[in-house]
């Protein structure tokens, strides 16, 4: 699924685009615990979170994630947007809860990047 399709599925707002809307996404990780993301996420995933701070962007960068999706319609901090733009990471925002957003992506074939093998 392309990142642009994820925007459509989640009825998301594109807050900041890194010109990667054609990126092919196969996995996602939903978490507010950065340690879990670092331990279990796969590269080239999308990262769903409700946590709003620069550490989210730094974690996504370390894991080579192409987009962060903020859930629950949270306003996105300008400092977070600026850092994401600097790192080439797209920022999306959806009004859905993390549980619902992850389920919607799962229904459409996106698998969990945080699942143990």
N, C-alpha and C. Protein backbone atom coordinates (compact mmCIF):
# COMPACT_ATOMS: atom_id res chain seq x y z
N UNK A 1 0.85 -1.17 0.00
CA UNK A 1 0.00 0.00 0.00
C UNK A 1 0.90 1.24 0.00
N UNK A 2 0.57 2.19 -0.80
CA UNK A 2 1.33 3.43 -0.86
C UNK A 2 0.92 4.36 0.29
N UNK A 3 1.85 5.23 0.68
CA UNK A 3 1.57 6.15 1.76
C UNK A 3 0.35 7.01 1.46
N UNK A 4 0.17 7.41 0.21
CA UNK A 4 -1.01 8.20 -0.17
C UNK A 4 -2.30 7.43 0.09
N UNK A 5 -2.28 6.12 -0.12
CA UNK A 5 -3.46 5.30 0.16
C UNK A 5 -3.75 5.27 1.67
N UNK A 6 -2.70 5.27 2.47
CA UNK A 6 -2.88 5.30 3.92
C UNK A 6 -3.56 6.60 4.33
N UNK A 7 -3.16 7.70 3.70
CA UNK A 7 -3.81 8.99 3.95
C UNK A 7 -5.31 8.87 3.69
N UNK A 8 -5.66 8.24 2.58
CA UNK A 8 -7.07 8.09 2.22
C UNK A 8 -7.81 7.18 3.20
N UNK A 9 -7.22 6.04 3.54
CA UNK A 9 -7.85 5.07 4.45
C UNK A 9 -8.12 5.69 5.81
N UNK A 10 -7.14 6.42 6.34
CA UNK A 10 -7.26 6.97 7.68
C UNK A 10 -7.89 8.37 7.69
N UNK A 11 -8.31 8.82 6.50
CA UNK A 11 -8.87 10.18 6.40
C UNK A 11 -7.92 11.17 7.09
N UNK A 12 -6.65 11.00 6.80
CA UNK A 12 -5.60 11.75 7.48
C UNK A 12 -5.33 13.09 6.79
N UNK A 13 -4.84 13.99 7.59
CA UNK A 13 -4.36 15.28 7.09
C UNK A 13 -2.86 15.15 6.92
N UNK A 14 -2.35 15.58 5.77
CA UNK A 14 -0.91 15.60 5.55
C UNK A 14 -0.40 16.91 6.14
N UNK A 15 0.29 16.81 7.26
CA UNK A 15 0.81 17.99 7.94
C UNK A 15 2.12 18.42 7.29
N UNK A 16 2.93 17.45 6.94
CA UNK A 16 4.22 17.71 6.31
C UNK A 16 4.58 16.51 5.44
N UNK A 17 4.89 16.76 4.20
CA UNK A 17 5.22 15.68 3.28
C UNK A 17 6.69 15.73 2.90
N UNK A 18 7.32 14.59 2.93
CA UNK A 18 8.73 14.49 2.53
C UNK A 18 8.82 14.01 1.08
N UNK A 19 7.80 14.31 0.29
CA UNK A 19 7.76 13.88 -1.11
C UNK A 19 7.90 12.37 -1.26
N UNK A 20 7.36 11.63 -0.28
CA UNK A 20 7.46 10.18 -0.34
C UNK A 20 6.06 9.53 -0.33
N UNK A 21 5.06 10.23 -0.84
CA UNK A 21 3.70 9.70 -0.82
C UNK A 21 3.55 8.47 -1.71
N UNK A 22 4.52 8.20 -2.56
CA UNK A 22 4.49 6.99 -3.38
C UNK A 22 5.26 5.84 -2.73
N UNK A 23 5.76 6.07 -1.52
CA UNK A 23 6.51 5.01 -0.81
C UNK A 23 5.60 3.82 -0.56
N UNK A 24 6.12 2.64 -0.80
CA UNK A 24 5.37 1.39 -0.58
C UNK A 24 5.51 0.99 0.88
N UNK A 25 4.38 0.86 1.56
CA UNK A 25 4.35 0.54 2.99
C UNK A 25 3.77 -0.86 3.16
N UNK A 26 4.49 -1.71 3.89
CA UNK A 26 4.00 -3.06 4.17
C UNK A 26 3.78 -3.32 5.64
N UNK A 27 4.43 -2.49 6.50
CA UNK A 27 4.31 -2.70 7.93
C UNK A 27 4.07 -1.38 8.66
N UNK A 28 3.51 -1.50 9.85
CA UNK A 28 3.27 -0.34 10.70
C UNK A 28 3.57 -0.70 12.14
N UNK A 29 3.84 0.33 12.93
CA UNK A 29 4.09 0.14 14.34
C UNK A 29 3.27 1.19 15.10
N UNK A 30 2.45 0.74 16.03
CA UNK A 30 1.67 1.66 16.84
C UNK A 30 2.11 1.56 18.29
N UNK A 31 2.68 2.65 18.82
CA UNK A 31 3.15 2.62 20.20
C UNK A 31 3.42 4.03 20.70
N UNK A 32 3.28 4.21 22.02
CA UNK A 32 3.69 5.44 22.67
C UNK A 32 4.98 5.21 23.46
N UNK A 33 5.50 4.01 23.40
CA UNK A 33 6.74 3.68 24.12
C UNK A 33 7.88 3.55 23.12
N UNK A 34 8.77 4.52 23.12
CA UNK A 34 9.85 4.54 22.15
C UNK A 34 10.76 3.33 22.29
N UNK A 35 10.91 2.81 23.50
CA UNK A 35 11.75 1.62 23.69
C UNK A 35 11.18 0.41 22.94
N UNK A 36 9.85 0.28 22.92
CA UNK A 36 9.25 -0.83 22.16
C UNK A 36 9.46 -0.65 20.67
N UNK A 37 9.35 0.57 20.19
CA UNK A 37 9.58 0.84 18.77
C UNK A 37 11.01 0.48 18.41
N UNK A 38 11.95 0.89 19.22
CA UNK A 38 13.36 0.59 18.94
C UNK A 38 13.64 -0.91 19.00
N UNK A 39 12.95 -1.61 19.87
CA UNK A 39 13.20 -3.05 20.04
C UNK A 39 12.54 -3.91 18.97
N UNK A 40 11.37 -3.49 18.48
CA UNK A 40 10.59 -4.41 17.65
C UNK A 40 10.23 -3.92 16.25
N UNK A 41 10.33 -2.64 15.98
CA UNK A 41 9.88 -2.11 14.68
C UNK A 41 10.82 -2.50 13.56
N UNK A 42 10.27 -2.50 12.36
CA UNK A 42 11.05 -2.76 11.15
C UNK A 42 11.27 -1.44 10.42
N UNK A 43 12.30 -1.42 9.60
CA UNK A 43 12.54 -0.22 8.81
C UNK A 43 11.47 -0.08 7.73
N UNK A 44 11.35 1.12 7.21
CA UNK A 44 10.38 1.45 6.16
C UNK A 44 8.94 1.18 6.56
N UNK A 45 8.65 1.36 7.84
CA UNK A 45 7.30 1.25 8.36
C UNK A 45 6.71 2.64 8.51
N UNK A 46 5.43 2.68 8.83
CA UNK A 46 4.84 3.92 9.32
C UNK A 46 4.68 3.75 10.83
N UNK A 47 4.73 4.85 11.53
CA UNK A 47 4.76 4.86 12.98
C UNK A 47 3.53 5.61 13.47
N UNK A 48 2.61 4.91 14.14
CA UNK A 48 1.41 5.52 14.70
C UNK A 48 1.62 5.76 16.18
N UNK A 49 1.34 6.99 16.63
CA UNK A 49 1.55 7.32 18.03
C UNK A 49 0.67 8.49 18.45
N UNK A 50 0.45 8.57 19.73
CA UNK A 50 -0.24 9.72 20.30
C UNK A 50 0.72 10.61 21.06
N UNK A 51 1.97 10.21 21.12
CA UNK A 51 2.99 10.95 21.84
C UNK A 51 3.48 12.11 20.97
N UNK A 52 3.50 13.30 21.53
CA UNK A 52 3.86 14.47 20.74
C UNK A 52 5.11 15.14 21.31
N UNK A 53 6.27 14.69 20.82
CA UNK A 53 7.52 15.34 21.19
C UNK A 53 8.60 15.00 20.17
N UNK A 54 9.70 15.75 20.16
CA UNK A 54 10.75 15.51 19.16
C UNK A 54 11.35 14.11 19.21
N UNK A 55 11.28 13.45 20.36
CA UNK A 55 11.85 12.11 20.47
C UNK A 55 11.17 11.13 19.52
N UNK A 56 9.90 11.37 19.22
CA UNK A 56 9.18 10.52 18.28
C UNK A 56 9.86 10.58 16.90
N UNK A 57 10.22 11.78 16.48
CA UNK A 57 10.89 11.96 15.18
C UNK A 57 12.27 11.31 15.21
N UNK A 58 12.98 11.49 16.29
CA UNK A 58 14.32 10.90 16.39
C UNK A 58 14.25 9.37 16.36
N UNK A 59 13.24 8.81 17.00
CA UNK A 59 13.06 7.36 16.98
C UNK A 59 12.71 6.89 15.57
N UNK A 60 11.82 7.58 14.91
CA UNK A 60 11.45 7.23 13.53
C UNK A 60 12.66 7.31 12.62
N UNK A 61 13.49 8.30 12.83
CA UNK A 61 14.71 8.43 12.00
C UNK A 61 15.65 7.24 12.23
N UNK A 62 15.85 6.88 13.50
CA UNK A 62 16.74 5.75 13.81
C UNK A 62 16.26 4.45 13.18
N UNK A 63 14.93 4.30 13.08
CA UNK A 63 14.35 3.07 12.53
C UNK A 63 14.07 3.18 11.03
N UNK A 64 14.51 4.27 10.41
CA UNK A 64 14.33 4.48 8.98
C UNK A 64 12.86 4.39 8.56
N UNK A 65 11.99 5.01 9.35
CA UNK A 65 10.56 5.04 9.05
C UNK A 65 10.27 6.23 8.14
N UNK A 66 9.34 6.05 7.22
CA UNK A 66 9.10 7.11 6.26
C UNK A 66 8.00 8.07 6.69
N UNK A 67 7.20 7.70 7.69
CA UNK A 67 6.10 8.59 8.11
C UNK A 67 5.71 8.33 9.55
N UNK A 68 5.27 9.40 10.19
CA UNK A 68 4.69 9.33 11.53
C UNK A 68 3.23 9.74 11.39
N UNK A 69 2.35 8.96 11.99
CA UNK A 69 0.92 9.27 11.97
C UNK A 69 0.49 9.54 13.40
N UNK A 70 0.15 10.78 13.67
CA UNK A 70 -0.34 11.14 15.01
C UNK A 70 -1.83 10.85 15.07
N UNK A 71 -2.25 10.17 16.12
CA UNK A 71 -3.64 9.72 16.26
C UNK A 71 -4.43 10.64 17.20
N UNK A 72 -5.72 10.40 17.26
CA UNK A 72 -6.65 11.12 18.13
C UNK A 72 -6.76 12.60 17.82
N UNK A 73 -6.41 12.99 16.59
CA UNK A 73 -6.59 14.37 16.16
C UNK A 73 -5.76 15.39 16.92
N UNK A 74 -4.69 14.93 17.52
CA UNK A 74 -3.85 15.83 18.31
C UNK A 74 -3.24 16.91 17.43
N UNK A 75 -3.19 18.14 17.94
CA UNK A 75 -2.48 19.18 17.19
C UNK A 75 -0.99 18.84 17.15
N UNK A 76 -0.38 19.08 16.01
CA UNK A 76 1.02 18.72 15.83
C UNK A 76 1.89 19.93 16.14
N UNK A 77 2.83 19.73 17.04
CA UNK A 77 3.74 20.77 17.48
C UNK A 77 4.65 21.22 16.32
N UNK A 78 4.83 22.52 16.18
CA UNK A 78 5.67 23.07 15.10
C UNK A 78 7.11 22.57 15.16
N UNK A 79 7.63 22.39 16.36
CA UNK A 79 8.99 21.89 16.51
C UNK A 79 9.11 20.46 15.99
N UNK A 80 8.09 19.65 16.20
CA UNK A 80 8.07 18.28 15.70
C UNK A 80 8.03 18.29 14.17
N UNK A 81 7.20 19.15 13.60
CA UNK A 81 7.11 19.26 12.14
C UNK A 81 8.45 19.69 11.55
N UNK A 82 9.06 20.69 12.13
CA UNK A 82 10.35 21.18 11.62
C UNK A 82 11.42 20.10 11.64
N UNK A 83 11.48 19.35 12.73
CA UNK A 83 12.48 18.28 12.83
C UNK A 83 12.19 17.18 11.81
N UNK A 84 10.93 16.82 11.64
CA UNK A 84 10.56 15.79 10.67
C UNK A 84 10.91 16.22 9.25
N UNK A 85 10.66 17.47 8.93
CA UNK A 85 11.01 17.97 7.60
C UNK A 85 12.52 17.91 7.38
N UNK A 86 13.27 18.26 8.41
CA UNK A 86 14.73 18.21 8.34
C UNK A 86 15.22 16.78 8.10
N UNK A 87 14.52 15.80 8.68
CA UNK A 87 14.92 14.40 8.58
C UNK A 87 14.29 13.66 7.41
N UNK A 88 13.40 14.34 6.66
CA UNK A 88 12.77 13.70 5.50
C UNK A 88 11.68 12.71 5.85
N UNK A 89 10.97 12.97 6.94
CA UNK A 89 9.91 12.08 7.42
C UNK A 89 8.58 12.79 7.28
N UNK A 90 7.62 12.15 6.63
CA UNK A 90 6.29 12.74 6.48
C UNK A 90 5.54 12.69 7.80
N UNK A 91 4.69 13.70 8.02
CA UNK A 91 3.85 13.75 9.22
C UNK A 91 2.39 13.77 8.78
N UNK A 92 1.62 12.81 9.30
CA UNK A 92 0.19 12.74 9.05
C UNK A 92 -0.53 12.84 10.38
N UNK A 93 -1.81 13.21 10.31
CA UNK A 93 -2.63 13.32 11.51
C UNK A 93 -4.00 12.75 11.20
N UNK A 94 -4.49 11.87 12.08
CA UNK A 94 -5.83 11.30 11.90
C UNK A 94 -6.63 11.48 13.19
N UNK A 95 -7.93 11.56 13.05
CA UNK A 95 -8.80 11.68 14.21
C UNK A 95 -9.10 10.34 14.87
N UNK A 96 -8.74 9.25 14.22
CA UNK A 96 -9.00 7.92 14.79
C UNK A 96 -8.07 7.64 15.96
N UNK A 97 -8.52 6.77 16.87
CA UNK A 97 -7.65 6.31 17.95
C UNK A 97 -6.58 5.39 17.36
N UNK A 98 -5.56 5.13 18.14
CA UNK A 98 -4.49 4.26 17.66
C UNK A 98 -5.03 2.86 17.36
N UNK A 99 -5.87 2.33 18.23
CA UNK A 99 -6.42 1.00 18.05
C UNK A 99 -7.20 0.92 16.72
N UNK A 100 -8.06 1.88 16.50
CA UNK A 100 -8.88 1.88 15.28
C UNK A 100 -8.01 2.08 14.04
N UNK A 101 -7.09 3.02 14.08
CA UNK A 101 -6.23 3.29 12.92
C UNK A 101 -5.39 2.06 12.57
N UNK A 102 -4.83 1.40 13.58
CA UNK A 102 -4.04 0.19 13.32
C UNK A 102 -4.92 -0.90 12.73
N UNK A 103 -6.14 -1.04 13.25
CA UNK A 103 -7.06 -2.05 12.73
C UNK A 103 -7.45 -1.78 11.29
N UNK A 104 -7.67 -0.52 10.95
CA UNK A 104 -8.03 -0.16 9.58
C UNK A 104 -6.89 -0.50 8.62
N UNK A 105 -5.66 -0.26 9.03
CA UNK A 105 -4.51 -0.59 8.18
C UNK A 105 -4.33 -2.10 8.08
N UNK A 106 -4.54 -2.81 9.19
CA UNK A 106 -4.43 -4.26 9.19
C UNK A 106 -5.44 -4.89 8.23
N UNK A 107 -6.66 -4.37 8.25
CA UNK A 107 -7.70 -4.87 7.34
C UNK A 107 -7.30 -4.75 5.87
N UNK A 108 -6.45 -3.80 5.59
CA UNK A 108 -6.04 -3.56 4.20
C UNK A 108 -4.66 -4.14 3.88
N UNK A 109 -4.18 -5.02 4.75
CA UNK A 109 -2.96 -5.77 4.43
C UNK A 109 -1.68 -5.29 5.08
N UNK A 110 -1.72 -4.19 5.79
CA UNK A 110 -0.52 -3.72 6.50
C UNK A 110 -0.35 -4.60 7.74
N UNK A 111 0.84 -5.11 7.94
CA UNK A 111 1.10 -5.98 9.07
C UNK A 111 1.90 -5.25 10.13
N UNK A 112 1.90 -5.80 11.33
CA UNK A 112 2.56 -5.16 12.46
C UNK A 112 4.06 -5.27 12.42
N UNK A 113 4.71 -4.14 12.51
CA UNK A 113 6.17 -4.12 12.53
C UNK A 113 6.70 -4.44 13.92
N UNK A 114 5.86 -4.39 14.92
CA UNK A 114 6.31 -4.64 16.29
C UNK A 114 6.08 -6.08 16.73
N UNK A 115 5.56 -6.90 15.84
CA UNK A 115 5.30 -8.29 16.18
C UNK A 115 6.59 -9.08 16.25
N UNK A 116 6.69 -9.92 17.25
CA UNK A 116 7.85 -10.80 17.36
C UNK A 116 7.73 -11.93 16.36
N UNK A 117 8.86 -12.35 15.85
CA UNK A 117 8.88 -13.46 14.89
C UNK A 117 9.21 -14.74 15.61
